[in-house]
């Protein structure tokens, strides 16, 4: 059985990234500030902002 993170786990681990995305920063700017992968940021944006 595969492990699947809960939404709460994403919120705890990627709180700074979610906050920056919700402030309106682009994926590219958040990537340059935090070092997270673009696909991870896309996933976070889809989960929490759309």
Protein backbone atom coordinates (compact mmCIF):
# COMPACT_ATOMS: atom_id res chain seq x y z
CA UNK A 1 0.00 0.00 0.00
CA UNK A 2 1.41 3.38 -1.00
CA UNK A 3 1.80 6.28 1.38
CA UNK A 4 -0.24 9.36 0.57
CA UNK A 5 0.30 12.63 2.38
CA UNK A 6 -2.69 14.34 3.91
CA UNK A 7 -3.51 17.93 3.10
CA UNK A 8 -2.45 18.85 6.63
CA UNK A 9 1.00 17.34 6.02
CA UNK A 10 1.45 19.50 2.92
CA UNK A 11 0.37 22.55 4.90
CA UNK A 12 2.92 21.85 7.64
CA UNK A 13 5.79 21.05 5.29
CA UNK A 14 5.20 23.72 2.63
CA UNK A 15 3.62 26.54 4.64
CA UNK A 16 6.05 29.21 3.43
CA UNK A 17 5.55 28.26 -0.20
CA UNK A 18 1.76 28.27 0.13
CA UNK A 19 1.88 31.70 1.76
CA UNK A 20 4.06 33.14 -1.01
CA UNK A 21 1.78 31.69 -3.69
CA UNK A 22 -1.30 33.09 -1.98
CA UNK A 23 0.37 36.51 -1.89
CA UNK A 24 0.35 36.43 -5.67
CA UNK A 25 3.97 35.58 -6.45
CA UNK A 26 4.59 33.63 -9.62
CA UNK A 27 5.81 30.05 -9.61
CA UNK A 28 9.18 31.22 -10.92
CA UNK A 29 9.64 33.75 -8.09
CA UNK A 30 8.61 31.29 -5.40
CA UNK A 31 11.00 28.76 -6.95
CA UNK A 32 13.89 31.21 -6.82
CA UNK A 33 13.19 32.12 -3.19
CA UNK A 34 12.54 28.67 -1.75
CA UNK A 35 14.31 26.23 -4.06
CA UNK A 36 11.26 23.97 -4.40
CA UNK A 37 10.55 22.23 -7.69
CA UNK A 38 8.09 23.88 -10.07
CA UNK A 39 5.90 20.76 -10.19
CA UNK A 40 5.66 20.73 -6.40
CA UNK A 41 4.60 24.39 -6.44
CA UNK A 42 2.01 23.64 -9.13
CA UNK A 43 0.61 20.86 -6.98
CA UNK A 44 0.43 23.16 -3.95
CA UNK A 45 -1.28 25.89 -5.97
CA UNK A 46 -3.85 23.41 -7.24
CA UNK A 47 -4.49 22.00 -3.75
CA UNK A 48 -4.76 25.22 -1.78
CA UNK A 49 -5.51 28.13 -4.09
CA UNK A 50 -7.82 26.83 -6.80
